[in-house]
Amino acid sequence: MLFNAGIGTDISINGQKRFSLNLGVQNITDIGYQSHLSRLKYADENPVTGRVGVFNMGRNFTARLIIPFEWKL
């Protein structure tokens, strides 16, 4: 089981939304896992780790800043 978490907020100045900020973490416990749909799980043994197949990415941090633009014509 993988644990993911995220949080986000909108920042308003003078009653207008100026930007949104989102932070997230995927695979918090840094567990090695393989997707059951991946064809790479049947790859040869990795001599460094001793595991068979290609494992997915470990822990991942993300930050997203969304700045809206308004065009008045």
PDB file of N, CA and C in Angstrom:
ATOM      1  N   MET A   1       0.842  -1.160   0.000  1.00  0.00           N
ATOM      2  CA  MET A   1       0.000   0.000   0.000  1.00  0.00           C
ATOM      3  C   MET A   1       0.893   1.230   0.000  1.00  0.00           C
ATOM      4  N   LEU A   2       0.581   2.195  -0.875  1.00  0.00           N
ATOM      5  CA  LEU A   2       1.341   3.431  -0.951  1.00  0.00           C
ATOM      6  C   LEU A   2       0.581   4.535  -0.232  1.00  0.00           C
ATOM      7  N   PHE A   3       1.332   5.412   0.431  1.00  0.00           N
ATOM      8  CA  PHE A   3       0.735   6.544   1.127  1.00  0.00           C
ATOM      9  C   PHE A   3       1.126   7.824   0.409  1.00  0.00           C
ATOM     10  N   ASN A   4       0.125   8.608   0.032  1.00  0.00           N
ATOM     11  CA  ASN A   4       0.317   9.891  -0.627  1.00  0.00           C
ATOM     12  C   ASN A   4      -0.389  10.963   0.189  1.00  0.00           C
ATOM     13  N   ALA A   5       0.105  12.196   0.112  1.00  0.00           N
ATOM     14  CA  ALA A   5      -0.534  13.306   0.823  1.00  0.00           C
ATOM     15  C   ALA A   5      -0.359  14.576   0.012  1.00  0.00           C
ATOM     16  N   GLY A   6      -1.310  15.474   0.155  1.00  0.00           N
ATOM     17  CA  GLY A   6      -1.223  16.746  -0.538  1.00  0.00           C
ATOM     18  C   GLY A   6      -2.054  17.797   0.162  1.00  0.00           C
ATOM     19  N   ILE A   7      -1.688  19.045  -0.073  1.00  0.00           N
ATOM     20  CA  ILE A   7      -2.410  20.168   0.504  1.00  0.00           C
ATOM     21  C   ILE A   7      -2.330  21.327  -0.494  1.00  0.00           C
ATOM     22  N   GLY A   8      -3.377  22.128  -0.525  1.00  0.00           N
ATOM     23  CA  GLY A   8      -3.397  23.258  -1.440  1.00  0.00           C
ATOM     24  C   GLY A   8      -4.207  24.403  -0.873  1.00  0.00           C
ATOM     25  N   THR A   9      -3.926  25.586  -1.372  1.00  0.00           N
ATOM     26  CA  THR A   9      -4.640  26.765  -0.917  1.00  0.00           C
ATOM     27  C   THR A   9      -4.676  27.816  -2.016  1.00  0.00           C
ATOM     28  N   ASP A  10      -5.677  28.693  -1.941  1.00  0.00           N
ATOM     29  CA  ASP A  10      -5.769  29.857  -2.826  1.00  0.00           C
ATOM     30  C   ASP A  10      -5.376  31.084  -2.016  1.00  0.00           C
ATOM     31  N   ILE A  11      -4.550  31.933  -2.584  1.00  0.00           N
ATOM     32  CA  ILE A  11      -4.123  33.160  -1.925  1.00  0.00           C
ATOM     33  C   ILE A  11      -4.891  34.328  -2.538  1.00  0.00           C
ATOM     34  N   SER A  12      -5.607  35.051  -1.689  1.00  0.00           N
ATOM     35  CA  SER A  12      -6.390  36.208  -2.132  1.00  0.00           C
ATOM     36  C   SER A  12      -5.799  37.485  -1.565  1.00  0.00           C
ATOM     37  N   ILE A  13      -5.747  38.524  -2.402  1.00  0.00           N
ATOM     38  CA  ILE A  13      -5.284  39.843  -1.979  1.00  0.00           C
ATOM     39  C   ILE A  13      -6.352  40.846  -2.406  1.00  0.00           C
ATOM     40  N   ASN A  14      -6.839  41.628  -1.442  1.00  0.00           N
ATOM     41  CA  ASN A  14      -7.915  42.605  -1.694  1.00  0.00           C
ATOM     42  C   ASN A  14      -9.156  41.946  -2.283  1.00  0.00           C
ATOM     43  N   GLY A  15      -9.466  40.750  -1.835  1.00  0.00           N
ATOM     44  CA  GLY A  15     -10.674  40.067  -2.285  1.00  0.00           C
ATOM     45  C   GLY A  15     -10.571  39.397  -3.638  1.00  0.00           C
ATOM     46  N   GLN A  16      -9.404  39.443  -4.282  1.00  0.00           N
ATOM     47  CA  GLN A  16      -9.219  38.794  -5.575  1.00  0.00           C
ATOM     48  C   GLN A  16      -8.239  37.644  -5.440  1.00  0.00           C
ATOM     49  N   LYS A  17      -8.566  36.522  -6.066  1.00  0.00           N
ATOM     50  CA  LYS A  17      -7.666  35.364  -6.064  1.00  0.00           C
ATOM     51  C   LYS A  17      -6.440  35.696  -6.911  1.00  0.00           C
ATOM     52  N   ARG A  18      -5.266  35.668  -6.288  1.00  0.00           N
ATOM     53  CA  ARG A  18      -4.024  36.003  -6.989  1.00  0.00           C
ATOM     54  C   ARG A  18      -3.293  34.769  -7.496  1.00  0.00           C
ATOM     55  N   PHE A  19      -3.216  33.720  -6.672  1.00  0.00           N
ATOM     56  CA  PHE A  19      -2.576  32.484  -7.122  1.00  0.00           C
ATOM     57  C   PHE A  19      -2.965  31.325  -6.224  1.00  0.00           C
ATOM     58  N   SER A  20      -2.681  30.120  -6.699  1.00  0.00           N
ATOM     59  CA  SER A  20      -2.936  28.889  -5.949  1.00  0.00           C
ATOM     60  C   SER A  20      -1.605  28.184  -5.717  1.00  0.00           C
ATOM     61  N   LEU A  21      -1.453  27.603  -4.546  1.00  0.00           N
ATOM     62  CA  LEU A  21      -0.241  26.870  -4.193  1.00  0.00           C
ATOM     63  C   LEU A  21      -0.638  25.472  -3.743  1.00  0.00           C
ATOM     64  N   ASN A  22      -0.032  24.450  -4.361  1.00  0.00           N
ATOM     65  CA  ASN A  22      -0.292  23.052  -4.022  1.00  0.00           C
ATOM     66  C   ASN A  22       1.022  22.345  -3.727  1.00  0.00           C
ATOM     67  N   LEU A  23       1.057  21.599  -2.638  1.00  0.00           N
ATOM     68  CA  LEU A  23       2.218  20.800  -2.255  1.00  0.00           C
ATOM     69  C   LEU A  23       1.777  19.346  -2.112  1.00  0.00           C
ATOM     70  N   GLY A  24       2.637  18.415  -2.517  1.00  0.00           N
ATOM     71  CA  GLY A  24       2.267  17.016  -2.421  1.00  0.00           C
ATOM     72  C   GLY A  24       3.477  16.104  -2.252  1.00  0.00           C
ATOM     73  N   VAL A  25       3.232  14.930  -1.690  1.00  0.00           N
ATOM     74  CA  VAL A  25       4.250  13.894  -1.534  1.00  0.00           C
ATOM     75  C   VAL A  25       3.624  12.577  -1.963  1.00  0.00           C
ATOM     76  N   GLN A  26       4.315  11.837  -2.810  1.00  0.00           N
ATOM     77  CA  GLN A  26       3.860  10.522  -3.240  1.00  0.00           C
ATOM     78  C   GLN A  26       4.824   9.478  -2.707  1.00  0.00           C
ATOM     79  N   ASN A  27       4.286   8.331  -2.319  1.00  0.00           N
ATOM     80  CA  ASN A  27       5.066   7.219  -1.770  1.00  0.00           C
ATOM     81  C   ASN A  27       5.876   7.685  -0.552  1.00  0.00           C
ATOM     82  N   ILE A  28       5.179   8.203   0.440  1.00  0.00           N
ATOM     83  CA  ILE A  28       5.808   8.776   1.635  1.00  0.00           C
ATOM     84  C   ILE A  28       6.754   7.793   2.323  1.00  0.00           C
ATOM     85  N   THR A  29       6.379   6.523   2.384  1.00  0.00           N
ATOM     86  CA  THR A  29       7.189   5.524   3.087  1.00  0.00           C
ATOM     87  C   THR A  29       8.314   4.965   2.224  1.00  0.00           C
ATOM     88  N   ASP A  30       8.448   5.430   0.988  1.00  0.00           N
ATOM     89  CA  ASP A  30       9.532   5.044   0.075  1.00  0.00           C
ATOM     90  C   ASP A  30       9.611   3.526  -0.119  1.00  0.00           C
ATOM     91  N   ILE A  31       8.473   2.920  -0.447  1.00  0.00           N
ATOM     92  CA  ILE A  31       8.391   1.478  -0.663  1.00  0.00           C
ATOM     93  C   ILE A  31       8.690   1.166  -2.127  1.00  0.00           C
ATOM     94  N   GLY A  32       9.523   0.155  -2.374  1.00  0.00           N
ATOM     95  CA  GLY A  32       9.773  -0.304  -3.735  1.00  0.00           C
ATOM     96  C   GLY A  32       8.567  -1.089  -4.226  1.00  0.00           C
ATOM     97  N   TYR A  33       8.065  -0.761  -5.413  1.00  0.00           N
ATOM     98  CA  TYR A  33       6.879  -1.440  -5.928  1.00  0.00           C
ATOM     99  C   TYR A  33       6.932  -1.517  -7.446  1.00  0.00           C
ATOM    100  N   GLN A  34       6.176  -2.459  -7.986  1.00  0.00           N
ATOM    101  CA  GLN A  34       6.040  -2.619  -9.428  1.00  0.00           C
ATOM    102  C   GLN A  34       4.564  -2.516  -9.792  1.00  0.00           C
ATOM    103  N   SER A  35       4.299  -1.848 -10.897  1.00  0.00           N
ATOM    104  CA  SER A  35       2.937  -1.792 -11.395  1.00  0.00           C
ATOM    105  C   SER A  35       2.591  -3.145 -12.001  1.00  0.00           C
ATOM    106  N   HIS A  36       1.426  -3.681 -11.669  1.00  0.00           N
ATOM    107  CA  HIS A  36       1.049  -4.983 -12.214  1.00  0.00           C
ATOM    108  C   HIS A  36       0.757  -4.903 -13.715  1.00  0.00           C
ATOM    109  N   LEU A  37       0.598  -3.698 -14.266  1.00  0.00           N
ATOM    110  CA  LEU A  37       0.361  -3.534 -15.696  1.00  0.00           C
ATOM    111  C   LEU A  37       1.649  -3.341 -16.496  1.00  0.00           C
ATOM    112  N   SER A  38       2.786  -3.173 -15.822  1.00  0.00           N
ATOM    113  CA  SER A  38       4.037  -2.898 -16.500  1.00  0.00           C
ATOM    114  C   SER A  38       4.616  -4.154 -17.140  1.00  0.00           C
ATOM    115  N   ARG A  39       5.058  -4.016 -18.393  1.00  0.00           N
ATOM    116  CA  ARG A  39       5.745  -5.137 -19.054  1.00  0.00           C
ATOM    117  C   ARG A  39       7.184  -5.263 -18.574  1.00  0.00           C
ATOM    118  N   LEU A  40       7.696  -4.233 -17.910  1.00  0.00           N
ATOM    119  CA  LEU A  40       9.077  -4.255 -17.435  1.00  0.00           C
ATOM    120  C   LEU A  40       9.263  -5.126 -16.194  1.00  0.00           C
ATOM    121  N   LYS A  41       8.182  -5.606 -15.590  1.00  0.00           N
ATOM    122  CA  LYS A  41       8.314  -6.447 -14.400  1.00  0.00           C
ATOM    123  C   LYS A  41       8.926  -7.804 -14.735  1.00  0.00           C
ATOM    124  N   TYR A  42       8.998  -8.133 -16.028  1.00  0.00           N
ATOM    125  CA  TYR A  42       9.576  -9.408 -16.440  1.00  0.00           C
ATOM    126  C   TYR A  42      11.032  -9.274 -16.892  1.00  0.00           C
ATOM    127  N   ALA A  43      11.646  -8.124 -16.648  1.00  0.00           N
ATOM    128  CA  ALA A  43      13.050  -7.912 -17.028  1.00  0.00           C
ATOM    129  C   ALA A  43      13.962  -8.800 -16.176  1.00  0.00           C
ATOM    130  N   ASP A  44      15.191  -8.938 -16.636  1.00  0.00           N
ATOM    131  CA  ASP A  44      16.168  -9.771 -15.914  1.00  0.00           C
ATOM    132  C   ASP A  44      16.475  -9.191 -14.536  1.00  0.00           C
ATOM    133  N   GLU A  45      17.146 -10.007 -13.727  1.00  0.00           N
ATOM    134  CA  GLU A  45      17.515  -9.586 -12.373  1.00  0.00           C
ATOM    135  C   GLU A  45      18.517  -8.449 -12.422  1.00  0.00           C
ATOM    136  N   ASN A  46      18.299  -7.452 -11.561  1.00  0.00           N
ATOM    137  CA  ASN A  46      19.220  -6.329 -11.432  1.00  0.00           C
ATOM    138  C   ASN A  46      20.368  -6.774 -10.527  1.00  0.00           C
ATOM    139  N   PRO A  47      21.621  -6.771 -11.033  1.00  0.00           N
ATOM    140  CA  PRO A  47      22.738  -7.260 -10.215  1.00  0.00           C
ATOM    141  C   PRO A  47      23.037  -6.393  -8.990  1.00  0.00           C
ATOM    142  N   VAL A  48      22.642  -5.141  -9.014  1.00  0.00           N
ATOM    143  CA  VAL A  48      22.908  -4.235  -7.891  1.00  0.00           C
ATOM    144  C   VAL A  48      21.944  -4.498  -6.735  1.00  0.00           C
ATOM    145  N   THR A  49      20.647  -4.618  -7.048  1.00  0.00           N
ATOM    146  CA  THR A  49      19.644  -4.776  -5.996  1.00  0.00           C
ATOM    147  C   THR A  49      19.215  -6.218  -5.773  1.00  0.00           C
ATOM    148  N   GLY A  50      19.430  -7.076  -6.764  1.00  0.00           N
ATOM    149  CA  GLY A  50      18.998  -8.467  -6.648  1.00  0.00           C
ATOM    150  C   GLY A  50      17.519  -8.662  -6.939  1.00  0.00           C
ATOM    151  N   ARG A  51      16.821  -7.617  -7.337  1.00  0.00           N
ATOM    152  CA  ARG A  51      15.394  -7.699  -7.642  1.00  0.00           C
ATOM    153  C   ARG A  51      15.189  -8.050  -9.113  1.00  0.00           C
ATOM    154  N   VAL A  52      14.101  -8.736  -9.383  1.00  0.00           N
ATOM    155  CA  VAL A  52      13.740  -9.073 -10.754  1.00  0.00           C
ATOM    156  C   VAL A  52      12.770  -8.015 -11.263  1.00  0.00           C
ATOM    157  N   GLY A  53      13.059  -7.453 -12.433  1.00  0.00           N
ATOM    158  CA  GLY A  53      12.179  -6.455 -13.026  1.00  0.00           C
ATOM    159  C   GLY A  53      12.597  -5.032 -12.693  1.00  0.00           C
ATOM    160  N   VAL A  54      11.849  -4.094 -13.265  1.00  0.00           N
ATOM    161  CA  VAL A  54      12.106  -2.673 -13.064  1.00  0.00           C
ATOM    162  C   VAL A  54      11.059  -2.124 -12.097  1.00  0.00           C
ATOM    163  N   PHE A  55      11.522  -1.516 -11.034  1.00  0.00           N
ATOM    164  CA  PHE A  55      10.626  -0.979 -10.022  1.00  0.00           C
ATOM    165  C   PHE A  55      10.311   0.479 -10.315  1.00  0.00           C
ATOM    166  N   ASN A  56       9.178   0.955  -9.822  1.00  0.00           N
ATOM    167  CA  ASN A  56       8.753   2.336 -10.031  1.00  0.00           C
ATOM    168  C   ASN A  56       9.528   3.285  -9.126  1.00  0.00           C
ATOM    169  N   MET A  57       9.319   4.579  -9.378  1.00  0.00           N
ATOM    170  CA  MET A  57      10.008   5.629  -8.658  1.00  0.00           C
ATOM    171  C   MET A  57       9.711   5.580  -7.161  1.00  0.00           C
ATOM    172  N   GLY A  58      10.649   6.008  -6.364  1.00  0.00           N
ATOM    173  CA  GLY A  58      10.460   6.065  -4.917  1.00  0.00           C
ATOM    174  C   GLY A  58       9.708   7.313  -4.503  1.00  0.00           C
ATOM    175  N   ARG A  59      10.103   7.897  -3.395  1.00  0.00           N
ATOM    176  CA  ARG A  59       9.431   9.086  -2.855  1.00  0.00           C
ATOM    177  C   ARG A  59       9.545  10.250  -3.843  1.00  0.00           C
ATOM    178  N   ASN A  60       8.471  11.020  -3.961  1.00  0.00           N
ATOM    179  CA  ASN A  60       8.425  12.121  -4.910  1.00  0.00           C
ATOM    180  C   ASN A  60       7.727  13.323  -4.267  1.00  0.00           C
ATOM    181  N   PHE A  61       8.395  14.481  -4.304  1.00  0.00           N
ATOM    182  CA  PHE A  61       7.834  15.724  -3.776  1.00  0.00           C
ATOM    183  C   PHE A  61       7.424  16.606  -4.952  1.00  0.00           C
ATOM    184  N   THR A  62       6.270  17.254  -4.839  1.00  0.00           N
ATOM    185  CA  THR A  62       5.829  18.163  -5.890  1.00  0.00           C
ATOM    186  C   THR A  62       5.365  19.481  -5.282  1.00  0.00           C
ATOM    187  N   ALA A  63       5.598  20.549  -6.019  1.00  0.00           N
ATOM    188  CA  ALA A  63       5.107  21.875  -5.659  1.00  0.00           C
ATOM    189  C   ALA A  63       4.572  22.503  -6.938  1.00  0.00           C
ATOM    190  N   ARG A  64       3.385  23.094  -6.850  1.00  0.00           N
ATOM    191  CA  ARG A  64       2.772  23.691  -8.035  1.00  0.00           C
ATOM    192  C   ARG A  64       2.237  25.066  -7.664  1.00  0.00           C
ATOM    193  N   LEU A  65       2.618  26.055  -8.441  1.00  0.00           N
ATOM    194  CA  LEU A  65       2.150  27.416  -8.272  1.00  0.00           C
ATOM    195  C   LEU A  65       1.369  27.784  -9.531  1.00  0.00           C
ATOM    196  N   ILE A  66       0.104  28.123  -9.359  1.00  0.00           N
ATOM    197  CA  ILE A  66      -0.756  28.465 -10.483  1.00  0.00           C
ATOM    198  C   ILE A  66      -1.085  29.952 -10.389  1.00  0.00           C
ATOM    199  N   ILE A  67      -0.671  30.698 -11.411  1.00  0.00           N
ATOM    200  CA  ILE A  67      -0.915  32.141 -11.465  1.00  0.00           C
ATOM    201  C   ILE A  67      -1.886  32.393 -12.612  1.00  0.00           C
ATOM    202  N   PRO A  68      -3.115  32.800 -12.321  1.00  0.00           N
ATOM    203  CA  PRO A  68      -4.079  33.050 -13.399  1.00  0.00           C
ATOM    204  C   PRO A  68      -3.796  34.379 -14.107  1.00  0.00           C
ATOM    205  N   PHE A  69      -3.950  34.356 -15.413  1.00  0.00           N
ATOM    206  CA  PHE A  69      -3.824  35.575 -16.215  1.00  0.00           C
ATOM    207  C   PHE A  69      -5.199  35.939 -16.749  1.00  0.00           C
ATOM    208  N   GLU A  70      -5.525  37.195 -16.724  1.00  0.00           N
ATOM    209  CA  GLU A  70      -6.802  37.666 -17.271  1.00  0.00           C
ATOM    210  C   GLU A  70      -6.523  38.593 -18.425  1.00  0.00           C
ATOM    211  N   TRP A  71      -7.202  38.357 -19.533  1.00  0.00           N
ATOM    212  CA  TRP A  71      -7.058  39.195 -20.726  1.00  0.00           C
ATOM    213  C   TRP A  71      -8.381  39.909 -20.949  1.00  0.00           C
ATOM    214  N   LYS A  72      -8.360  41.209 -20.929  1.00  0.00           N
ATOM    215  CA  LYS A  72      -9.562  42.005 -21.201  1.00  0.00           C
ATOM    216  C   LYS A  72      -9.377  42.701 -22.533  1.00  0.00           C
ATOM    217  N   LEU A  73     -10.251  42.402 -23.467  1.00  0.00           N
ATOM    218  CA  LEU A  73     -10.153  43.013 -24.790  1.00  0.00           C
ATOM    219  C   LEU A  73     -11.240  44.036 -25.005  1.00  0.00           C
TER     220      LEU A  73
END
